[in-house]
């Protein structure tokens, strides 16, 4: 339990670091929200209008004062008001959150199915050339950015096959295609780890015993080796979830889907600090919570691991 307490403390530090990093990175970027609000204004009163907006938004105060107010407000669940929507940033964010959550969840599910299926096929394939081809796919998948995969799928599924709309398709088909773009890199990561573990599991004494019993290759791989080889993959799901949450930003932008991704892009472009801070903080919290849950559940899956270890 002491180890779990340390992990919880590290998680708090990670969330604080993400919040702080987002604040100061957005602060040092040229321009501010006041400039966005006064964009398009002309005449001799532009500078005065800009100064008034900065004072109204509190941007004329020292940066450390702004940071402290933002941090103490966030600790109380108040991230401030969206500069452009004039609503609480928390409400603005969570209005878009359900669409992003279903995209990330389906992307994670597809990534696990893709990774497990590919790893099993690698072990069941007898042809050497096919096996080498399958082994080369996970590293390629991991190296492909989600936005690039998304652009390819958008070109094929929207412009060539006409399965989905090119812009803002909120249908089930559009969700599946967007989730597939998100799942490619995650599936490659799962497959890399699972394939390596399967190779080790297939050399274990219990697998040799199963072979002596006359079990088929499929039964040995799927019913026996896969279960034990999949345990380390559970741990990696924490990192995979983080990749999924981050990848939704680019994926939703490519497919013009409503969700947190487009909201964050617009907020960063408009220097809408409250919205950016709530988005980054929630993403960090999700990443930390998933890793803590995995850390807590893993000993239940593998009883050789003890809490005090």
C-alpha atoms as a PDB file:
ATOM      1  CA  UNK A   1       0.000   0.000   0.000  1.00  0.00           C
ATOM      2  CA  UNK A   2       2.966   2.322   0.619  1.00  0.00           C
ATOM      3  CA  UNK A   3       4.019   1.740  -2.984  1.00  0.00           C
ATOM      4  CA  UNK A   4       0.513   2.583  -4.166  1.00  0.00           C
ATOM      5  CA  UNK A   5       0.613   5.759  -2.046  1.00  0.00           C
ATOM      6  CA  UNK A   6       3.834   6.801  -3.769  1.00  0.00           C
ATOM      7  CA  UNK A   7       2.245   6.206  -7.144  1.00  0.00           C
ATOM      8  CA  UNK A   8      -0.659   8.414  -6.091  1.00  0.00           C
ATOM      9  CA  UNK A   9       1.761  11.160  -5.053  1.00  0.00           C
ATOM     10  CA  UNK A  10       3.579  10.876  -8.389  1.00  0.00           C
ATOM     11  CA  UNK A  11       0.211  11.138 -10.128  1.00  0.00           C
ATOM     12  CA  UNK A  12      -0.556  14.405  -8.336  1.00  0.00           C
ATOM     13  CA  UNK A  13       2.839  15.755  -9.418  1.00  0.00           C
ATOM     14  CA  UNK A  14       2.153  14.722 -13.026  1.00  0.00           C
ATOM     15  CA  UNK A  15      -1.201  16.534 -13.060  1.00  0.00           C
ATOM     16  CA  UNK A  16       0.334  19.640 -11.507  1.00  0.00           C
ATOM     17  CA  UNK A  17       3.199  19.537 -14.003  1.00  0.00           C
ATOM     18  CA  UNK A  18       0.801  19.242 -16.942  1.00  0.00           C
ATOM     19  CA  UNK A  19      -1.254  22.185 -15.656  1.00  0.00           C
ATOM     20  CA  UNK A  20       1.831  24.336 -15.063  1.00  0.00           C
ATOM     21  CA  UNK A  21       3.428  23.453 -18.383  1.00  0.00           C
ATOM     22  CA  UNK A  22       0.261  24.260 -20.310  1.00  0.00           C
ATOM     23  CA  UNK A  23      -0.112  27.619 -18.542  1.00  0.00           C
ATOM     24  CA  UNK A  24       3.407  28.863 -19.197  1.00  0.00           C
ATOM     25  CA  UNK A  25       3.644  27.451 -22.724  1.00  0.00           C
ATOM     26  CA  UNK A  26       0.480  29.287 -23.697  1.00  0.00           C
ATOM     27  CA  UNK A  27       1.713  32.390 -21.906  1.00  0.00           C
ATOM     28  CA  UNK A  28       5.014  32.596 -23.833  1.00  0.00           C
ATOM     29  CA  UNK A  29       3.331  32.085 -27.202  1.00  0.00           C
ATOM     30  CA  UNK A  30       3.022  35.460 -28.971  1.00  0.00           C
ATOM     31  CA  UNK A  31      -0.411  37.065 -28.678  1.00  0.00           C
ATOM     32  CA  UNK A  32      -3.166  36.711 -26.113  1.00  0.00           C
ATOM     33  CA  UNK A  33      -6.932  36.398 -25.857  1.00  0.00           C
ATOM     34  CA  UNK A  34      -7.351  40.176 -25.825  1.00  0.00           C
ATOM     35  CA  UNK A  35      -5.790  40.328 -29.268  1.00  0.00           C
ATOM     36  CA  UNK A  36      -8.275  37.735 -30.490  1.00  0.00           C
ATOM     37  CA  UNK A  37     -11.214  39.679 -29.101  1.00  0.00           C
ATOM     38  CA  UNK A  38     -10.079  42.900 -30.780  1.00  0.00           C
ATOM     39  CA  UNK A  39      -9.107  41.293 -34.089  1.00  0.00           C
ATOM     40  CA  UNK A  40     -10.553  43.222 -36.998  1.00  0.00           C
ATOM     41  CA  UNK A  41     -10.942  46.468 -35.060  1.00  0.00           C
ATOM     42  CA  UNK A  42      -9.525  49.567 -36.701  1.00  0.00           C
ATOM     43  CA  UNK A  43      -9.143  53.233 -35.941  1.00  0.00           C
ATOM     44  CA  UNK A  44      -7.173  55.118 -33.338  1.00  0.00           C
ATOM     45  CA  UNK A  45      -8.829  53.448 -30.357  1.00  0.00           C
ATOM     46  CA  UNK A  46      -7.467  49.958 -31.036  1.00  0.00           C
ATOM     47  CA  UNK A  47      -4.676  50.238 -28.477  1.00  0.00           C
ATOM     48  CA  UNK A  48      -7.061  51.583 -25.866  1.00  0.00           C
ATOM     49  CA  UNK A  49      -9.565  48.814 -26.618  1.00  0.00           C
ATOM     50  CA  UNK A  50      -6.782  46.222 -26.378  1.00  0.00           C
ATOM     51  CA  UNK A  51      -5.670  47.603 -23.020  1.00  0.00           C
ATOM     52  CA  UNK A  52      -9.232  47.553 -21.716  1.00  0.00           C
ATOM     53  CA  UNK A  53      -9.702  43.938 -22.756  1.00  0.00           C
ATOM     54  CA  UNK A  54      -6.406  42.916 -21.125  1.00  0.00           C
ATOM     55  CA  UNK A  55      -7.463  44.623 -17.909  1.00  0.00           C
ATOM     56  CA  UNK A  56     -10.890  42.996 -18.075  1.00  0.00           C
ATOM     57  CA  UNK A  57      -9.345  39.540 -18.562  1.00  0.00           C
ATOM     58  CA  UNK A  58      -6.672  40.145 -15.934  1.00  0.00           C
ATOM     59  CA  UNK A  59      -3.857  39.830 -18.465  1.00  0.00           C
ATOM     60  CA  UNK A  60      -2.228  43.048 -17.278  1.00  0.00           C
ATOM     61  CA  UNK A  61      -1.306  41.469 -13.947  1.00  0.00           C
ATOM     62  CA  UNK A  62       2.081  39.792 -13.248  1.00  0.00           C
ATOM     63  CA  UNK A  63       2.341  36.299 -14.680  1.00  0.00           C
ATOM     64  CA  UNK A  64       2.894  34.672 -11.285  1.00  0.00           C
ATOM     65  CA  UNK A  65      -0.280  36.304  -9.969  1.00  0.00           C
ATOM     66  CA  UNK A  66      -2.215  34.968 -12.953  1.00  0.00           C
ATOM     67  CA  UNK A  67      -0.718  31.509 -12.415  1.00  0.00           C
ATOM     68  CA  UNK A  68      -1.520  31.433  -8.707  1.00  0.00           C
ATOM     69  CA  UNK A  69      -5.116  32.520  -9.314  1.00  0.00           C
ATOM     70  CA  UNK A  70      -5.521  29.887 -12.046  1.00  0.00           C
ATOM     71  CA  UNK A  71      -3.994  27.150  -9.855  1.00  0.00           C
ATOM     72  CA  UNK A  72      -6.034  27.937  -6.731  1.00  0.00           C
ATOM     73  CA  UNK A  73      -9.180  28.185  -8.830  1.00  0.00           C
ATOM     74  CA  UNK A  74      -8.467  24.822 -10.461  1.00  0.00           C
ATOM     75  CA  UNK A  75      -7.988  23.221  -7.040  1.00  0.00           C
ATOM     76  CA  UNK A  76     -11.540  24.338  -6.246  1.00  0.00           C
ATOM     77  CA  UNK A  77     -12.861  23.076  -9.595  1.00  0.00           C
ATOM     78  CA  UNK A  78     -13.117  26.567 -11.071  1.00  0.00           C
ATOM     79  CA  UNK A  79     -11.022  27.045 -14.203  1.00  0.00           C
ATOM     80  CA  UNK A  80     -12.597  30.375 -15.027  1.00  0.00           C
ATOM     81  CA  UNK A  81     -14.769  31.483 -17.904  1.00  0.00           C
ATOM     82  CA  UNK A  82     -14.148  30.786 -21.568  1.00  0.00           C
ATOM     83  CA  UNK A  83     -12.965  33.995 -23.199  1.00  0.00           C
ATOM     84  CA  UNK A  84     -15.057  33.582 -26.332  1.00  0.00           C
ATOM     85  CA  UNK A  85     -18.078  31.577 -25.200  1.00  0.00           C
ATOM     86  CA  UNK A  86     -18.588  33.502 -21.950  1.00  0.00           C
ATOM     87  CA  UNK A  87     -19.432  30.308 -20.103  1.00  0.00           C
ATOM     88  CA  UNK A  88     -17.626  28.347 -17.436  1.00  0.00           C
ATOM     89  CA  UNK A  89     -14.696  26.544 -19.060  1.00  0.00           C
ATOM     90  CA  UNK A  90     -15.683  23.350 -17.233  1.00  0.00           C
ATOM     91  CA  UNK A  91     -19.134  23.416 -18.868  1.00  0.00           C
ATOM     92  CA  UNK A  92     -17.663  24.195 -22.294  1.00  0.00           C
ATOM     93  CA  UNK A  93     -15.240  21.287 -22.004  1.00  0.00           C
ATOM     94  CA  UNK A  94     -17.639  18.650 -20.722  1.00  0.00           C
ATOM     95  CA  UNK A  95     -20.243  19.542 -23.357  1.00  0.00           C
ATOM     96  CA  UNK A  96     -17.764  18.154 -25.906  1.00  0.00           C
ATOM     97  CA  UNK A  97     -16.324  15.383 -23.748  1.00  0.00           C
ATOM     98  CA  UNK A  98     -18.843  12.552 -24.480  1.00  0.00           C
ATOM     99  CA  UNK A  99     -18.043  12.546 -28.220  1.00  0.00           C
ATOM    100  CA  UNK A 100     -14.321  12.375 -27.512  1.00  0.00           C
ATOM    101  CA  UNK A 101     -14.785   9.673 -24.880  1.00  0.00           C
ATOM    102  CA  UNK A 102     -16.623   7.355 -27.282  1.00  0.00           C
ATOM    103  CA  UNK A 103     -13.963   7.947 -29.931  1.00  0.00           C
ATOM    104  CA  UNK A 104     -11.100   7.211 -27.512  1.00  0.00           C
ATOM    105  CA  UNK A 105     -12.853   4.157 -26.017  1.00  0.00           C
ATOM    106  CA  UNK A 106     -13.651   2.618 -29.403  1.00  0.00           C
ATOM    107  CA  UNK A 107     -10.128   3.426 -30.595  1.00  0.00           C
ATOM    108  CA  UNK A 108      -8.670   1.623 -27.573  1.00  0.00           C
ATOM    109  CA  UNK A 109     -10.941  -1.379 -28.134  1.00  0.00           C
ATOM    110  CA  UNK A 110      -9.943  -1.592 -31.804  1.00  0.00           C
ATOM    111  CA  UNK A 111      -6.263  -1.200 -30.871  1.00  0.00           C
ATOM    112  CA  UNK A 112      -6.426  -4.158 -28.479  1.00  0.00           C
ATOM    113  CA  UNK A 113      -8.313  -6.328 -30.994  1.00  0.00           C
ATOM    114  CA  UNK A 114      -5.909  -5.368 -33.776  1.00  0.00           C
ATOM    115  CA  UNK A 115      -2.805  -5.945 -31.662  1.00  0.00           C
ATOM    116  CA  UNK A 116      -3.925  -9.301 -30.255  1.00  0.00           C
ATOM    117  CA  UNK A 117      -5.104 -10.581 -33.643  1.00  0.00           C
ATOM    118  CA  UNK A 118      -1.843  -9.631 -35.338  1.00  0.00           C
ATOM    119  CA  UNK A 119       0.288 -11.250 -32.629  1.00  0.00           C
ATOM    120  CA  UNK A 120      -1.703 -14.494 -32.794  1.00  0.00           C
ATOM    121  CA  UNK A 121      -1.419 -14.568 -36.588  1.00  0.00           C
ATOM    122  CA  UNK A 122       2.347 -14.116 -36.327  1.00  0.00           C
ATOM    123  CA  UNK A 123       2.627 -17.211 -34.133  1.00  0.00           C
ATOM    124  CA  UNK A 124       0.191 -19.295 -36.208  1.00  0.00           C
ATOM    125  CA  UNK A 125       1.704 -18.496 -39.621  1.00  0.00           C
ATOM    126  CA  UNK A 126       3.880 -21.236 -41.079  1.00  0.00           C
ATOM    127  CA  UNK A 127       5.101 -19.407 -44.181  1.00  0.00           C
ATOM    128  CA  UNK A 128       8.307 -17.581 -43.385  1.00  0.00           C
ATOM    129  CA  UNK A 129       7.736 -14.706 -45.797  1.00  0.00           C
ATOM    130  CA  UNK A 130       4.249 -14.088 -44.413  1.00  0.00           C
ATOM    131  CA  UNK A 131       5.559 -14.267 -40.854  1.00  0.00           C
ATOM    132  CA  UNK A 132       8.305 -11.735 -41.588  1.00  0.00           C
ATOM    133  CA  UNK A 133       5.774  -9.461 -43.241  1.00  0.00           C
ATOM    134  CA  UNK A 134       3.443  -9.601 -40.252  1.00  0.00           C
ATOM    135  CA  UNK A 135       6.318  -8.983 -37.811  1.00  0.00           C
ATOM    136  CA  UNK A 136       7.284  -5.830 -39.725  1.00  0.00           C
ATOM    137  CA  UNK A 137       3.780  -4.326 -39.468  1.00  0.00           C
ATOM    138  CA  UNK A 138       3.709  -3.306 -35.745  1.00  0.00           C
ATOM    139  CA  UNK A 139       6.851  -1.074 -35.904  1.00  0.00           C
ATOM    140  CA  UNK A 140       5.459   0.607 -39.022  1.00  0.00           C
ATOM    141  CA  UNK A 141       2.078   1.127 -37.337  1.00  0.00           C
ATOM    142  CA  UNK A 142       3.672   2.669 -34.240  1.00  0.00           C
ATOM    143  CA  UNK A 143       5.651   5.130 -36.372  1.00  0.00           C
ATOM    144  CA  UNK A 144       2.585   6.385 -38.249  1.00  0.00           C
ATOM    145  CA  UNK A 145       1.079   9.589 -36.780  1.00  0.00           C
ATOM    146  CA  UNK A 146      -2.710   9.412 -36.260  1.00  0.00           C
ATOM    147  CA  UNK A 147      -3.307  12.469 -38.439  1.00  0.00           C
ATOM    148  CA  UNK A 148      -1.496  10.835 -41.376  1.00  0.00           C
ATOM    149  CA  UNK A 149      -3.495   7.615 -41.007  1.00  0.00           C
ATOM    150  CA  UNK A 150      -6.621   9.752 -40.678  1.00  0.00           C
ATOM    151  CA  UNK A 151      -5.900  11.631 -43.900  1.00  0.00           C
ATOM    152  CA  UNK A 152      -5.378   8.360 -45.793  1.00  0.00           C
ATOM    153  CA  UNK A 153      -8.587   6.832 -44.417  1.00  0.00           C
ATOM    154  CA  UNK A 154     -10.477  10.053 -45.147  1.00  0.00           C
ATOM    155  CA  UNK A 155      -9.267  10.023 -48.747  1.00  0.00           C
ATOM    156  CA  UNK A 156     -10.195   6.365 -49.229  1.00  0.00           C
ATOM    157  CA  UNK A 157     -13.454   6.140 -47.254  1.00  0.00           C
ATOM    158  CA  UNK A 158     -14.876   9.575 -48.068  1.00  0.00           C
ATOM    159  CA  UNK A 159     -13.620  10.577 -51.498  1.00  0.00           C
ATOM    160  CA  UNK A 160     -13.124   7.201 -53.185  1.00  0.00           C
ATOM    161  CA  UNK A 161     -15.542   4.750 -51.560  1.00  0.00           C
ATOM    162  CA  UNK A 162     -18.053   7.396 -50.347  1.00  0.00           C
ATOM    163  CA  UNK A 163     -18.731   5.462 -47.137  1.00  0.00           C
ATOM    164  CA  UNK A 164     -18.661   8.562 -44.931  1.00  0.00           C
ATOM    165  CA  UNK A 165     -18.988  12.321 -45.300  1.00  0.00           C
ATOM    166  CA  UNK A 166     -15.782  14.228 -45.821  1.00  0.00           C
ATOM    167  CA  UNK A 167     -16.614  16.843 -43.170  1.00  0.00           C
ATOM    168  CA  UNK A 168     -18.180  16.403 -39.743  1.00  0.00           C
ATOM    169  CA  UNK A 169     -19.600  12.893 -40.134  1.00  0.00           C
ATOM    170  CA  UNK A 170     -21.121  12.055 -36.726  1.00  0.00           C
ATOM    171  CA  UNK A 171     -22.631   8.744 -37.889  1.00  0.00           C
ATOM    172  CA  UNK A 172     -21.562   5.299 -36.700  1.00  0.00           C
ATOM    173  CA  UNK A 173     -19.548   4.821 -39.885  1.00  0.00           C
ATOM    174  CA  UNK A 174     -17.712   8.087 -39.345  1.00  0.00           C
ATOM    175  CA  UNK A 175     -16.991   7.078 -35.746  1.00  0.00           C
ATOM    176  CA  UNK A 176     -15.609   3.692 -36.802  1.00  0.00           C
ATOM    177  CA  UNK A 177     -13.309   5.185 -39.446  1.00  0.00           C
ATOM    178  CA  UNK A 178     -12.024   7.851 -37.061  1.00  0.00           C
ATOM    179  CA  UNK A 179     -11.500   5.206 -34.356  1.00  0.00           C
ATOM    180  CA  UNK A 180      -9.585   3.034 -36.815  1.00  0.00           C
ATOM    181  CA  UNK A 181      -7.236   5.940 -37.542  1.00  0.00           C
ATOM    182  CA  UNK A 182      -6.692   6.321 -33.819  1.00  0.00           C
ATOM    183  CA  UNK A 183      -6.202   2.579 -33.249  1.00  0.00           C
ATOM    184  CA  UNK A 184      -3.388   1.905 -35.715  1.00  0.00           C
ATOM    185  CA  UNK A 185      -0.506   3.193 -33.567  1.00  0.00           C
ATOM    186  CA  UNK A 186      -1.997   1.735 -30.380  1.00  0.00           C
ATOM    187  CA  UNK A 187      -2.555  -1.628 -32.024  1.00  0.00           C
ATOM    188  CA  UNK A 188       1.045  -1.688 -33.218  1.00  0.00           C
ATOM    189  CA  UNK A 189       2.288  -0.985 -29.705  1.00  0.00           C
ATOM    190  CA  UNK A 190       0.125  -3.740 -28.209  1.00  0.00           C
ATOM    191  CA  UNK A 191       1.261  -6.191 -30.886  1.00  0.00           C
ATOM    192  CA  UNK A 192       4.958  -5.451 -30.351  1.00  0.00           C
ATOM    193  CA  UNK A 193       4.778  -6.156 -26.637  1.00  0.00           C
ATOM    194  CA  UNK A 194       2.447  -9.134 -26.940  1.00  0.00           C
ATOM    195  CA  UNK A 195       4.516 -10.795 -29.688  1.00  0.00           C
ATOM    196  CA  UNK A 196       7.667 -10.581 -27.582  1.00  0.00           C
ATOM    197  CA  UNK A 197       5.847 -12.038 -24.559  1.00  0.00           C
ATOM    198  CA  UNK A 198       4.289 -14.810 -26.644  1.00  0.00           C
ATOM    199  CA  UNK A 199       7.715 -15.905 -27.823  1.00  0.00           C
ATOM    200  CA  UNK A 200       8.834 -16.224 -24.222  1.00  0.00           C
ATOM    201  CA  UNK A 201       5.642 -17.999 -23.155  1.00  0.00           C
ATOM    202  CA  UNK A 202       5.898 -20.543 -25.978  1.00  0.00           C
ATOM    203  CA  UNK A 203       9.262 -21.706 -24.632  1.00  0.00           C
ATOM    204  CA  UNK A 204       7.870 -22.318 -21.135  1.00  0.00           C
ATOM    205  CA  UNK A 205       7.680 -25.839 -19.649  1.00  0.00           C
ATOM    206  CA  UNK A 206       3.873 -25.794 -19.442  1.00  0.00           C
ATOM    207  CA  UNK A 207       3.679 -25.162 -23.185  1.00  0.00           C
ATOM    208  CA  UNK A 208       6.003 -28.098 -23.816  1.00  0.00           C
ATOM    209  CA  UNK A 209       3.690 -30.203 -21.672  1.00  0.00           C
ATOM    210  CA  UNK A 210       0.710 -29.059 -23.735  1.00  0.00           C
ATOM    211  CA  UNK A 211       2.536 -30.083 -26.912  1.00  0.00           C
ATOM    212  CA  UNK A 212       3.213 -33.537 -25.459  1.00  0.00           C
ATOM    213  CA  UNK A 213      -0.505 -33.865 -24.761  1.00  0.00           C
ATOM    214  CA  UNK A 214      -1.099 -33.460 -28.479  1.00  0.00           C
ATOM    215  CA  UNK A 215      -2.881 -30.099 -28.356  1.00  0.00           C
ATOM    216  CA  UNK A 216      -3.123 -28.197 -31.620  1.00  0.00           C
ATOM    217  CA  UNK A 217      -0.957 -25.168 -32.283  1.00  0.00           C
ATOM    218  CA  UNK A 218      -4.011 -22.920 -32.112  1.00  0.00           C
ATOM    219  CA  UNK A 219      -5.011 -24.254 -28.683  1.00  0.00           C
ATOM    220  CA  UNK A 220      -1.471 -23.859 -27.372  1.00  0.00           C
ATOM    221  CA  UNK A 221      -1.157 -20.248 -28.534  1.00  0.00           C
ATOM    222  CA  UNK A 222      -4.682 -18.997 -27.804  1.00  0.00           C
ATOM    223  CA  UNK A 223      -5.785 -21.045 -24.792  1.00  0.00           C
ATOM    224  CA  UNK A 224      -2.503 -21.317 -22.915  1.00  0.00           C
ATOM    225  CA  UNK A 225       0.334 -18.996 -23.982  1.00  0.00           C
ATOM    226  CA  UNK A 226      -1.826 -15.956 -24.785  1.00  0.00           C
ATOM    227  CA  UNK A 227      -3.301 -15.668 -21.304  1.00  0.00           C
ATOM    228  CA  UNK A 228       0.070 -15.436 -19.563  1.00  0.00           C
ATOM    229  CA  UNK A 229       1.678 -13.339 -22.300  1.00  0.00           C
ATOM    230  CA  UNK A 230      -1.143 -10.793 -22.117  1.00  0.00           C
ATOM    231  CA  UNK A 231      -0.475  -9.818 -18.485  1.00  0.00           C
ATOM    232  CA  UNK A 232       2.300  -7.280 -19.255  1.00  0.00           C
ATOM    233  CA  UNK A 233       0.072  -5.834 -21.985  1.00  0.00           C
ATOM    234  CA  UNK A 234      -2.427  -4.836 -19.287  1.00  0.00           C
ATOM    235  CA  UNK A 235       0.254  -2.618 -17.767  1.00  0.00           C
ATOM    236  CA  UNK A 236       0.963  -0.989 -21.121  1.00  0.00           C
ATOM    237  CA  UNK A 237      -2.700  -0.045 -21.515  1.00  0.00           C
ATOM    238  CA  UNK A 238      -2.094   2.912 -19.209  1.00  0.00           C
ATOM    239  CA  UNK A 239       0.324   4.397 -21.731  1.00  0.00           C
ATOM    240  CA  UNK A 240      -1.935   3.413 -24.613  1.00  0.00           C
ATOM    241  CA  UNK A 241      -4.848   5.302 -23.063  1.00  0.00           C
ATOM    242  CA  UNK A 242      -2.653   8.387 -22.819  1.00  0.00           C
ATOM    243  CA  UNK A 243      -1.777   8.061 -26.499  1.00  0.00           C
ATOM    244  CA  UNK A 244      -5.471   7.677 -27.344  1.00  0.00           C
ATOM    245  CA  UNK A 245      -6.501  10.775 -25.407  1.00  0.00           C
ATOM    246  CA  UNK A 246      -3.791  12.827 -27.082  1.00  0.00           C
ATOM    247  CA  UNK A 247      -4.479  11.365 -30.510  1.00  0.00           C
ATOM    248  CA  UNK A 248      -8.146  12.364 -30.423  1.00  0.00           C
ATOM    249  CA  UNK A 249      -7.138  16.014 -30.822  1.00  0.00           C
ATOM    250  CA  UNK A 250      -5.564  15.437 -34.243  1.00  0.00           C
ATOM    251  CA  UNK A 251      -8.074  12.788 -35.288  1.00  0.00           C
ATOM    252  CA  UNK A 252     -11.099  14.976 -34.591  1.00  0.00           C
ATOM    253  CA  UNK A 253      -9.426  17.837 -36.438  1.00  0.00           C
ATOM    254  CA  UNK A 254      -8.766  15.696 -39.516  1.00  0.00           C
ATOM    255  CA  UNK A 255     -12.317  14.313 -39.615  1.00  0.00           C
ATOM    256  CA  UNK A 256     -13.897  17.621 -38.505  1.00  0.00           C
ATOM    257  CA  UNK A 257     -15.721  15.828 -35.711  1.00  0.00           C
ATOM    258  CA  UNK A 258     -17.295  17.634 -32.797  1.00  0.00           C
ATOM    259  CA  UNK A 259     -15.392  16.962 -29.609  1.00  0.00           C
ATOM    260  CA  UNK A 260     -12.618  18.031 -27.308  1.00  0.00           C
ATOM    261  CA  UNK A 261     -10.045  17.877 -30.106  1.00  0.00           C
ATOM    262  CA  UNK A 262     -11.542  20.699 -32.128  1.00  0.00           C
ATOM    263  CA  UNK A 263     -12.313  22.597 -28.938  1.00  0.00           C
ATOM    264  CA  UNK A 264      -8.661  22.470 -27.854  1.00  0.00           C
ATOM    265  CA  UNK A 265      -7.374  23.496 -31.274  1.00  0.00           C
ATOM    266  CA  UNK A 266      -9.700  26.507 -31.341  1.00  0.00           C
ATOM    267  CA  UNK A 267      -8.809  27.365 -27.741  1.00  0.00           C
ATOM    268  CA  UNK A 268      -5.065  27.265 -28.428  1.00  0.00           C
ATOM    269  CA  UNK A 269      -5.440  29.363 -31.573  1.00  0.00           C
ATOM    270  CA  UNK A 270      -7.529  31.888 -29.649  1.00  0.00           C
ATOM    271  CA  UNK A 271      -5.333  31.744 -26.490  1.00  0.00           C
ATOM    272  CA  UNK A 272      -8.415  30.762 -24.487  1.00  0.00           C
ATOM    273  CA  UNK A 273      -6.426  29.878 -21.359  1.00  0.00           C
ATOM    274  CA  UNK A 274      -9.276  28.497 -19.161  1.00  0.00           C
ATOM    275  CA  UNK A 275     -10.390  26.001 -21.820  1.00  0.00           C
ATOM    276  CA  UNK A 276      -6.821  24.886 -22.535  1.00  0.00           C
ATOM    277  CA  UNK A 277      -6.123  24.374 -18.835  1.00  0.00           C
ATOM    278  CA  UNK A 278      -9.236  22.273 -18.171  1.00  0.00           C
ATOM    279  CA  UNK A 279      -8.510  20.158 -21.265  1.00  0.00           C
ATOM    280  CA  UNK A 280      -4.894  19.484 -20.314  1.00  0.00           C
ATOM    281  CA  UNK A 281      -5.763  18.822 -16.676  1.00  0.00           C
ATOM    282  CA  UNK A 282      -8.533  16.334 -17.473  1.00  0.00           C
ATOM    283  CA  UNK A 283      -6.258  14.499 -19.933  1.00  0.00           C
ATOM    284  CA  UNK A 284      -3.534  14.258 -17.282  1.00  0.00           C
ATOM    285  CA  UNK A 285      -6.034  13.050 -14.667  1.00  0.00           C
ATOM    286  CA  UNK A 286      -7.344  10.354 -17.023  1.00  0.00           C
ATOM    287  CA  UNK A 287      -3.801   9.181 -17.748  1.00  0.00           C
ATOM    288  CA  UNK A 288      -2.919   9.046 -14.029  1.00  0.00           C
ATOM    289  CA  UNK A 289      -6.164   7.346 -12.952  1.00  0.00           C
ATOM    290  CA  UNK A 290      -5.914   4.656 -15.630  1.00  0.00           C
ATOM    291  CA  UNK A 291      -2.333   3.880 -14.599  1.00  0.00           C
ATOM    292  CA  UNK A 292      -3.327   3.717 -10.931  1.00  0.00           C
ATOM    293  CA  UNK A 293      -6.216   1.377 -11.737  1.00  0.00           C
ATOM    294  CA  UNK A 294      -3.928  -0.849 -13.803  1.00  0.00           C
ATOM    295  CA  UNK A 295      -1.402  -0.840 -10.977  1.00  0.00           C
ATOM    296  CA  UNK A 296      -4.130  -1.897  -8.538  1.00  0.00           C
ATOM    297  CA  UNK A 297      -5.693  -4.552 -10.769  1.00  0.00           C
ATOM    298  CA  UNK A 298      -2.485  -6.185 -11.987  1.00  0.00           C
ATOM    299  CA  UNK A 299      -1.803  -8.089  -8.718  1.00  0.00           C
ATOM    300  CA  UNK A 300      -5.309  -9.526  -8.972  1.00  0.00           C
ATOM    301  CA  UNK A 301      -4.539 -10.859 -12.453  1.00  0.00           C
ATOM    302  CA  UNK A 302      -1.140 -12.253 -11.488  1.00  0.00           C
ATOM    303  CA  UNK A 303      -1.167 -13.552  -7.924  1.00  0.00           C
ATOM    304  CA  UNK A 304       2.612 -13.908  -7.957  1.00  0.00           C
ATOM    305  CA  UNK A 305       2.781 -10.148  -7.458  1.00  0.00           C
ATOM    306  CA  UNK A 306       2.320  -8.917  -3.899  1.00  0.00           C
ATOM    307  CA  UNK A 307       1.252  -5.443  -2.856  1.00  0.00           C
ATOM    308  CA  UNK A 308       4.271  -5.011  -0.661  1.00  0.00           C
ATOM    309  CA  UNK A 309       6.542  -5.798  -3.602  1.00  0.00           C
END
